[in-house]
PDB file of all heavy atoms in Angstrom:
ATOM      1  N   SER A   1      89.387  56.933 153.543  1.00  0.00           N
ATOM      2  CA  SER A   1      88.701  57.757 152.639  1.00  0.00           C
ATOM      3  C   SER A   1      87.264  57.616 152.969  1.00  0.00           C
ATOM      4  O   SER A   1      86.737  56.494 153.020  1.00  0.00           O
ATOM      5  CB  SER A   1      89.084  57.367 151.179  1.00  0.00           C
ATOM      6  OG  SER A   1      90.366  57.419 150.895  1.00  0.00           O
ATOM      7  N   LEU A   2      86.531  58.719 153.052  1.00  0.00           N
ATOM      8  CA  LEU A   2      85.053  58.763 153.285  1.00  0.00           C
ATOM      9  C   LEU A   2      84.317  58.689 152.005  1.00  0.00           C
ATOM     10  O   LEU A   2      84.824  59.357 150.998  1.00  0.00           O
ATOM     11  CB  LEU A   2      84.640  59.985 154.151  1.00  0.00           C
ATOM     12  CG  LEU A   2      85.356  60.040 155.553  1.00  0.00           C
ATOM     13  CD1 LEU A   2      84.880  61.311 156.194  1.00  0.00           C
ATOM     14  CD2 LEU A   2      85.084  58.794 156.379  1.00  0.00           C
ATOM     15  N   CYS A   3      83.252  57.925 151.923  1.00  0.00           N
ATOM     16  CA  CYS A   3      82.451  57.832 150.774  1.00  0.00           C
ATOM     17  C   CYS A   3      81.247  58.620 150.848  1.00  0.00           C
ATOM     18  O   CYS A   3      80.624  58.900 151.894  1.00  0.00           O
ATOM     19  CB  CYS A   3      82.159  56.330 150.403  1.00  0.00           C
ATOM     20  SG  CYS A   3      83.574  55.241 150.461  1.00  0.00           S
ATOM     21  N   GLU A   4      80.690  59.036 149.691  1.00  0.00           N
ATOM     22  CA  GLU A   4      79.402  59.809 149.656  1.00  0.00           C
ATOM     23  C   GLU A   4      78.225  59.145 150.181  1.00  0.00           C
ATOM     24  O   GLU A   4      77.347  59.693 150.690  1.00  0.00           O
ATOM     25  CB  GLU A   4      79.181  60.305 148.253  1.00  0.00           C
ATOM     26  CG  GLU A   4      80.141  61.461 147.838  1.00  0.00           C
ATOM     27  CD  GLU A   4      79.793  61.932 146.516  1.00  0.00           C
ATOM     28  OE1 GLU A   4      78.608  61.709 145.940  1.00  0.00           O
ATOM     29  OE2 GLU A   4      80.724  62.540 145.788  1.00  0.00           O
ATOM     30  N   ASP A   5      78.340  57.760 150.148  1.00  0.00           N
ATOM     31  CA  ASP A   5      77.138  56.964 150.607  1.00  0.00           C
ATOM     32  C   ASP A   5      77.139  56.702 152.122  1.00  0.00           C
ATOM     33  O   ASP A   5      76.297  55.912 152.649  1.00  0.00           O
ATOM     34  CB  ASP A   5      77.100  55.614 149.832  1.00  0.00           C
ATOM     35  CG  ASP A   5      78.321  54.663 150.221  1.00  0.00           C
ATOM     36  OD1 ASP A   5      79.164  55.117 150.972  1.00  0.00           O
ATOM     37  OD2 ASP A   5      78.342  53.572 149.659  1.00  0.00           O
ATOM     38  N   GLY A   6      78.075  57.271 152.808  1.00  0.00           N
ATOM     39  CA  GLY A   6      78.125  57.186 154.247  1.00  0.00           C
ATOM     40  C   GLY A   6      79.065  56.063 154.683  1.00  0.00           C
ATOM     41  O   GLY A   6      79.165  55.850 155.886  1.00  0.00           O
ATOM     42  N   GLY A   7      79.759  55.439 153.855  1.00  0.00           N
ATOM     43  CA  GLY A   7      80.748  54.381 154.233  1.00  0.00           C
ATOM     44  C   GLY A   7      82.145  54.994 154.197  1.00  0.00           C
ATOM     45  O   GLY A   7      82.306  56.195 154.006  1.00  0.00           O
ATOM     46  N   ALA A   8      83.104  54.055 154.322  1.00  0.00           N
ATOM     47  CA  ALA A   8      84.613  54.475 154.268  1.00  0.00           C
ATOM     48  C   ALA A   8      85.312  53.427 153.689  1.00  0.00           C
ATOM     49  O   ALA A   8      84.948  52.237 153.712  1.00  0.00           O
ATOM     50  CB  ALA A   8      84.946  54.808 155.782  1.00  0.00           C
ATOM     51  N   VAL A   9      86.437  53.734 153.163  1.00  0.00           N
ATOM     52  CA  VAL A   9      87.442  52.719 152.730  1.00  0.00           C
ATOM     53  C   VAL A   9      88.820  52.964 153.438  1.00  0.00           C
ATOM     54  O   VAL A   9      89.255  54.143 153.482  1.00  0.00           O
ATOM     55  CB  VAL A   9      87.685  52.881 151.153  1.00  0.00           C
ATOM     56  CG1 VAL A   9      88.771  51.925 150.666  1.00  0.00           C
ATOM     57  CG2 VAL A   9      86.296  52.628 150.374  1.00  0.00           C
ATOM     58  N   LEU A  10      89.386  51.988 154.014  1.00  0.00           N
ATOM     59  CA  LEU A  10      90.670  52.104 154.568  1.00  0.00           C
ATOM     60  C   LEU A  10      91.729  51.389 153.611  1.00  0.00           C
ATOM     61  O   LEU A  10      91.539  50.158 153.341  1.00  0.00           O
ATOM     62  CB  LEU A  10      90.697  51.246 155.954  1.00  0.00           C
ATOM     63  CG  LEU A  10      91.963  51.472 156.733  1.00  0.00           C
ATOM     64  CD1 LEU A  10      92.085  52.954 157.271  1.00  0.00           C
ATOM     65  CD2 LEU A  10      91.953  50.510 157.997  1.00  0.00           C
ATOM     66  N   ASP A  11      92.567  52.173 153.143  1.00  0.00           N
ATOM     67  CA  ASP A  11      93.644  51.705 152.321  1.00  0.00           C
ATOM     68  C   ASP A  11      94.722  51.119 153.054  1.00  0.00           C
ATOM     69  O   ASP A  11      95.548  51.928 153.648  1.00  0.00           O
ATOM     70  CB  ASP A  11      94.035  52.826 151.298  1.00  0.00           C
ATOM     71  CG  ASP A  11      95.039  52.256 150.325  1.00  0.00           C
ATOM     72  OD1 ASP A  11      95.923  51.209 150.544  1.00  0.00           O
ATOM     73  OD2 ASP A  11      95.282  52.836 149.164  1.00  0.00           O
ATOM     74  N   VAL A  12      94.867  49.719 153.141  1.00  0.00           N
ATOM     75  CA  VAL A  12      95.877  49.206 153.928  1.00  0.00           C
ATOM     76  C   VAL A  12      96.977  48.532 152.966  1.00  0.00           C
ATOM     77  O   VAL A  12      96.722  47.449 152.454  1.00  0.00           O
ATOM     78  CB  VAL A  12      95.346  48.022 154.812  1.00  0.00           C
ATOM     79  CG1 VAL A  12      96.352  47.442 155.665  1.00  0.00           C
ATOM     80  CG2 VAL A  12      94.196  48.626 155.698  1.00  0.00           C
ATOM     81  N   GLY A  13      98.044  49.381 152.626  1.00  0.00           N
ATOM     82  CA  GLY A  13      99.007  48.902 151.752  1.00  0.00           C
ATOM     83  C   GLY A  13      98.589  48.621 150.381  1.00  0.00           C
ATOM     84  O   GLY A  13      99.001  47.600 149.760  1.00  0.00           O
ATOM     85  N   GLY A  14      97.608  49.265 149.883  1.00  0.00           N
ATOM     86  CA  GLY A  14      97.060  49.173 148.458  1.00  0.00           C
ATOM     87  C   GLY A  14      95.831  48.282 148.495  1.00  0.00           C
ATOM     88  O   GLY A  14      95.237  48.141 147.463  1.00  0.00           O
ATOM     89  N   ALA A  15      95.517  47.590 149.529  1.00  0.00           N
ATOM     90  CA  ALA A  15      94.285  46.782 149.682  1.00  0.00           C
ATOM     91  C   ALA A  15      93.126  47.645 150.340  1.00  0.00           C
ATOM     92  O   ALA A  15      93.264  47.946 151.495  1.00  0.00           O
ATOM     93  CB  ALA A  15      94.619  45.523 150.512  1.00  0.00           C
ATOM     94  N   PRO A  16      92.027  47.844 149.521  1.00  0.00           N
ATOM     95  CA  PRO A  16      90.900  48.552 150.103  1.00  0.00           C
ATOM     96  C   PRO A  16      90.138  47.719 151.021  1.00  0.00           C
ATOM     97  O   PRO A  16      89.752  46.456 150.658  1.00  0.00           O
ATOM     98  CB  PRO A  16      90.169  48.900 148.865  1.00  0.00           C
ATOM     99  CG  PRO A  16      90.504  47.852 147.841  1.00  0.00           C
ATOM    100  CD  PRO A  16      91.963  47.434 148.139  1.00  0.00           C
ATOM    101  N   VAL A  17      89.813  48.166 152.286  1.00  0.00           N
ATOM    102  CA  VAL A  17      88.997  47.414 153.179  1.00  0.00           C
ATOM    103  C   VAL A  17      87.693  48.339 153.409  1.00  0.00           C
ATOM    104  O   VAL A  17      87.907  49.545 153.820  1.00  0.00           O
ATOM    105  CB  VAL A  17      89.626  47.184 154.500  1.00  0.00           C
ATOM    106  CG1 VAL A  17      88.693  46.372 155.502  1.00  0.00           C
ATOM    107  CG2 VAL A  17      90.899  46.424 154.381  1.00  0.00           C
ATOM    108  N   LEU A  18      86.586  47.932 153.086  1.00  0.00           N
ATOM    109  CA  LEU A  18      85.336  48.574 153.252  1.00  0.00           C
ATOM    110  C   LEU A  18      84.718  48.653 154.595  1.00  0.00           C
ATOM    111  O   LEU A  18      84.733  47.562 155.194  1.00  0.00           O
ATOM    112  CB  LEU A  18      84.296  48.152 152.182  1.00  0.00           C
ATOM    113  CG  LEU A  18      84.804  48.073 150.653  1.00  0.00           C
ATOM    114  CD1 LEU A  18      83.707  47.396 149.852  1.00  0.00           C
ATOM    115  CD2 LEU A  18      85.104  49.452 150.202  1.00  0.00           C
ATOM    116  N   PHE A  19      84.236  49.753 154.999  1.00  0.00           N
ATOM    117  CA  PHE A  19      83.588  49.911 156.362  1.00  0.00           C
ATOM    118  C   PHE A  19      82.326  50.604 156.223  1.00  0.00           C
ATOM    119  O   PHE A  19      82.189  51.553 155.383  1.00  0.00           O
ATOM    120  CB  PHE A  19      84.426  50.540 157.373  1.00  0.00           C
ATOM    121  CG  PHE A  19      85.671  49.802 157.822  1.00  0.00           C
ATOM    122  CD1 PHE A  19      86.897  49.865 157.173  1.00  0.00           C
ATOM    123  CD2 PHE A  19      85.581  48.930 158.920  1.00  0.00           C
ATOM    124  CE1 PHE A  19      87.944  49.108 157.653  1.00  0.00           C
ATOM    125  CE2 PHE A  19      86.608  48.192 159.412  1.00  0.00           C
ATOM    126  CZ  PHE A  19      87.874  48.354 158.734  1.00  0.00           C
ATOM    127  N   ASP A  20      81.367  50.329 157.109  1.00  0.00           N
ATOM    128  CA  ASP A  20      80.263  51.290 157.376  1.00  0.00           C
ATOM    129  C   ASP A  20      80.658  52.066 158.645  1.00  0.00           C
ATOM    130  O   ASP A  20      81.479  51.735 159.406  1.00  0.00           O
ATOM    131  CB  ASP A  20      78.941  50.510 157.678  1.00  0.00           C
ATOM    132  CG  ASP A  20      78.384  49.748 156.517  1.00  0.00           C
ATOM    133  OD1 ASP A  20      78.474  50.379 155.422  1.00  0.00           O
ATOM    134  OD2 ASP A  20      77.931  48.657 156.661  1.00  0.00           O
ATOM    135  N   LEU A  21      79.997  53.256 158.719  1.00  0.00           N
ATOM    136  CA  LEU A  21      80.289  54.151 159.820  1.00  0.00           C
ATOM    137  C   LEU A  21      79.166  54.090 160.792  1.00  0.00           C
ATOM    138  O   LEU A  21      78.037  54.237 160.511  1.00  0.00           O
ATOM    139  CB  LEU A  21      80.537  55.499 159.351  1.00  0.00           C
ATOM    140  CG  LEU A  21      81.686  55.813 158.300  1.00  0.00           C
ATOM    141  CD1 LEU A  21      81.592  57.174 157.744  1.00  0.00           C
ATOM    142  CD2 LEU A  21      82.992  55.533 158.958  1.00  0.00           C
ATOM    143  N   ALA A  22      79.565  53.880 162.092  1.00  0.00           N
ATOM    144  CA  ALA A  22      78.517  53.826 163.107  1.00  0.00           C
ATOM    145  C   ALA A  22      77.981  55.241 163.394  1.00  0.00           C
ATOM    146  O   ALA A  22      76.791  55.413 163.739  1.00  0.00           O
ATOM    147  CB  ALA A  22      79.095  53.296 164.373  1.00  0.00           C
ATOM    148  N   ASP A  23      78.789  56.202 163.117  1.00  0.00           N
ATOM    149  CA  ASP A  23      78.291  57.617 163.348  1.00  0.00           C
ATOM    150  C   ASP A  23      79.258  58.512 162.582  1.00  0.00           C
ATOM    151  O   ASP A  23      80.289  57.994 162.084  1.00  0.00           O
ATOM    152  CB  ASP A  23      78.404  58.052 164.872  1.00  0.00           C
ATOM    153  CG  ASP A  23      79.618  57.651 165.517  1.00  0.00           C
ATOM    154  OD1 ASP A  23      80.654  57.707 164.931  1.00  0.00           O
ATOM    155  OD2 ASP A  23      79.585  57.198 166.787  1.00  0.00           O
ATOM    156  N   PRO A  24      78.930  59.665 162.221  1.00  0.00           N
ATOM    157  CA  PRO A  24      79.794  60.542 161.511  1.00  0.00           C
ATOM    158  C   PRO A  24      81.178  60.808 162.185  1.00  0.00           C
ATOM    159  O   PRO A  24      81.205  61.045 163.298  1.00  0.00           O
ATOM    160  CB  PRO A  24      79.098  61.883 161.324  1.00  0.00           C
ATOM    161  CG  PRO A  24      77.626  61.547 161.682  1.00  0.00           C
ATOM    162  CD  PRO A  24      77.690  60.385 162.542  1.00  0.00           C
ATOM    163  N   PRO A  25      82.228  60.594 161.369  1.00  0.00           N
ATOM    164  CA  PRO A  25      83.556  60.841 161.992  1.00  0.00           C
ATOM    165  C   PRO A  25      83.793  62.392 162.109  1.00  0.00           C
ATOM    166  O   PRO A  25      83.096  63.220 161.514  1.00  0.00           O
ATOM    167  CB  PRO A  25      84.527  60.265 160.956  1.00  0.00           C
ATOM    168  CG  PRO A  25      83.710  60.334 159.637  1.00  0.00           C
ATOM    169  CD  PRO A  25      82.347  60.166 159.962  1.00  0.00           C
ATOM    170  N   PRO A  26      84.850  62.632 162.940  1.00  0.00           N
ATOM    171  CA  PRO A  26      85.125  64.113 163.066  1.00  0.00           C
ATOM    172  C   PRO A  26      85.540  64.763 161.704  1.00  0.00           C
ATOM    173  O   PRO A  26      86.130  64.164 160.899  1.00  0.00           O
ATOM    174  CB  PRO A  26      86.256  64.121 164.127  1.00  0.00           C
ATOM    175  CG  PRO A  26      86.764  62.707 164.080  1.00  0.00           C
ATOM    176  CD  PRO A  26      85.677  61.813 163.593  1.00  0.00           C
ATOM    177  N   GLU A  27      85.483  66.053 161.728  1.00  0.00           N
ATOM    178  CA  GLU A  27      85.997  66.917 160.555  1.00  0.00           C
ATOM    179  C   GLU A  27      87.518  66.587 160.382  1.00  0.00           C
ATOM    180  O   GLU A  27      88.228  66.407 161.349  1.00  0.00           O
ATOM    181  CB  GLU A  27      85.918  68.314 160.869  1.00  0.00           C
ATOM    182  CG  GLU A  27      84.452  68.834 160.986  1.00  0.00           C
ATOM    183  CD  GLU A  27      83.839  69.087 159.611  1.00  0.00           C
ATOM    184  OE1 GLU A  27      84.623  69.516 158.690  1.00  0.00           O
ATOM    185  OE2 GLU A  27      82.631  68.812 159.343  1.00  0.00           O
ATOM    186  N   GLY A  28      87.901  66.578 159.228  1.00  0.00           N
ATOM    187  CA  GLY A  28      89.348  66.493 158.843  1.00  0.00           C
ATOM    188  C   GLY A  28      89.872  65.055 158.717  1.00  0.00           C
ATOM    189  O   GLY A  28      91.031  64.852 158.562  1.00  0.00           O
ATOM    190  N   VAL A  29      88.996  63.941 159.082  1.00  0.00           N
ATOM    191  CA  VAL A  29      89.562  62.662 159.091  1.00  0.00           C
ATOM    192  C   VAL A  29      89.731  62.118 157.650  1.00  0.00           C
ATOM    193  O   VAL A  29      90.499  61.133 157.499  1.00  0.00           O
ATOM    194  CB  VAL A  29      88.656  61.807 159.984  1.00  0.00           C
ATOM    195  CG1 VAL A  29      87.412  61.448 159.274  1.00  0.00           C
ATOM    196  CG2 VAL A  29      89.381  60.511 160.402  1.00  0.00           C
ATOM    197  N   ASP A  30      88.984  62.571 156.759  1.00  0.00           N
ATOM    198  CA  ASP A  30      89.088  62.048 155.377  1.00  0.00           C
ATOM    199  C   ASP A  30      90.480  62.188 154.835  1.00  0.00           C
ATOM    200  O   ASP A  30      90.945  63.362 154.855  1.00  0.00           O
ATOM    201  CB  ASP A  30      88.078  62.810 154.506  1.00  0.00           C
ATOM    202  CG  ASP A  30      87.899  62.228 153.051  1.00  0.00           C
ATOM    203  OD1 ASP A  30      88.127  61.006 153.026  1.00  0.00           O
ATOM    204  OD2 ASP A  30      87.692  62.833 152.135  1.00  0.00           O
ATOM    205  N   GLY A  31      91.099  61.223 154.438  1.00  0.00           N
ATOM    206  CA  GLY A  31      92.491  61.295 153.855  1.00  0.00           C
ATOM    207  C   GLY A  31      93.576  61.060 154.894  1.00  0.00           C
ATOM    208  O   GLY A  31      94.728  61.126 154.519  1.00  0.00           O
ATOM    209  N   SER A  32      93.141  60.946 156.182  1.00  0.00           N
ATOM    210  CA  SER A  32      94.239  60.774 157.207  1.00  0.00           C
ATOM    211  C   SER A  32      94.536  59.295 157.511  1.00  0.00           C
ATOM    212  O   SER A  32      93.800  58.428 157.167  1.00  0.00           O
ATOM    213  CB  SER A  32      93.679  61.447 158.495  1.00  0.00           C
ATOM    214  OG  SER A  32      92.588  60.822 159.001  1.00  0.00           O
ATOM    215  N   TRP A  33      95.695  59.207 158.244  1.00  0.00           N
ATOM    216  CA  TRP A  33      96.070  57.903 158.685  1.00  0.00           C
ATOM    217  C   TRP A  33      95.340  57.474 159.948  1.00  0.00           C
ATOM    218  O   TRP A  33      95.188  58.283 160.896  1.00  0.00           O
ATOM    219  CB  TRP A  33      97.611  57.824 158.894  1.00  0.00           C
ATOM    220  CG  TRP A  33      98.281  57.889 157.650  1.00  0.00           C
ATOM    221  CD1 TRP A  33      98.793  58.987 156.974  1.00  0.00           C
ATOM    222  CD2 TRP A  33      98.677  56.700 156.825  1.00  0.00           C
ATOM    223  NE1 TRP A  33      99.398  58.609 155.798  1.00  0.00           N
ATOM    224  CE2 TRP A  33      99.212  57.319 155.749  1.00  0.00           C
ATOM    225  CE3 TRP A  33      98.435  55.408 156.933  1.00  0.00           C
ATOM    226  CZ2 TRP A  33      99.835  56.376 154.696  1.00  0.00           C
ATOM    227  CZ3 TRP A  33      98.953  54.586 155.952  1.00  0.00           C
ATOM    228  CH2 TRP A  33      99.566  55.050 154.733  1.00  0.00           C
ATOM    229  N   VAL A  34      94.671  56.207 159.946  1.00  0.00           N
ATOM    230  CA  VAL A  34      93.851  55.779 160.932  1.00  0.00           C
ATOM    231  C   VAL A  34      94.143  54.386 161.377  1.00  0.00           C
ATOM    232  O   VAL A  34      94.544  53.584 160.519  1.00  0.00           O
ATOM    233  CB  VAL A  34      92.311  55.915 160.451  1.00  0.00           C
ATOM    234  CG1 VAL A  34      91.398  55.237 161.430  1.00  0.00           C
ATOM    235  CG2 VAL A  34      91.986  57.340 160.172  1.00  0.00           C
ATOM    236  N   GLU A  35      93.922  54.017 162.673  1.00  0.00           N
ATOM    237  CA  GLU A  35      93.946  52.709 163.080  1.00  0.00           C
ATOM    238  C   GLU A  35      92.600  52.226 163.384  1.00  0.00           C
ATOM    239  O   GLU A  35      91.901  52.836 164.169  1.00  0.00           O
ATOM    240  CB  GLU A  35      94.857  52.500 164.242  1.00  0.00           C
ATOM    241  CG  GLU A  35      96.378  52.600 163.911  1.00  0.00           C
ATOM    242  CD  GLU A  35      97.353  52.216 164.992  1.00  0.00           C
ATOM    243  OE1 GLU A  35      96.817  51.789 166.197  1.00  0.00           O
ATOM    244  OE2 GLU A  35      98.486  52.340 164.889  1.00  0.00           O
ATOM    245  N   VAL A  36      92.174  51.054 162.859  1.00  0.00           N
ATOM    246  CA  VAL A  36      90.911  50.486 163.232  1.00  0.00           C
ATOM    247  C   VAL A  36      91.118  49.138 163.833  1.00  0.00           C
ATOM    248  O   VAL A  36      91.953  48.276 163.383  1.00  0.00           O
ATOM    249  CB  VAL A  36      89.981  50.333 161.931  1.00  0.00           C
ATOM    250  CG1 VAL A  36      88.697  49.568 162.263  1.00  0.00           C
ATOM    251  CG2 VAL A  36      89.814  51.608 161.261  1.00  0.00           C
TER     252      VAL A  36
END
């Protein structure tokens, strides 16, 4: 999930993991399944 402040949250089995973004992610990534 992308945040308005430019960060992101990865929901890993109900556990939120907060991230900063090095650069803007591509369109359509918000709400998608991702591996980090």
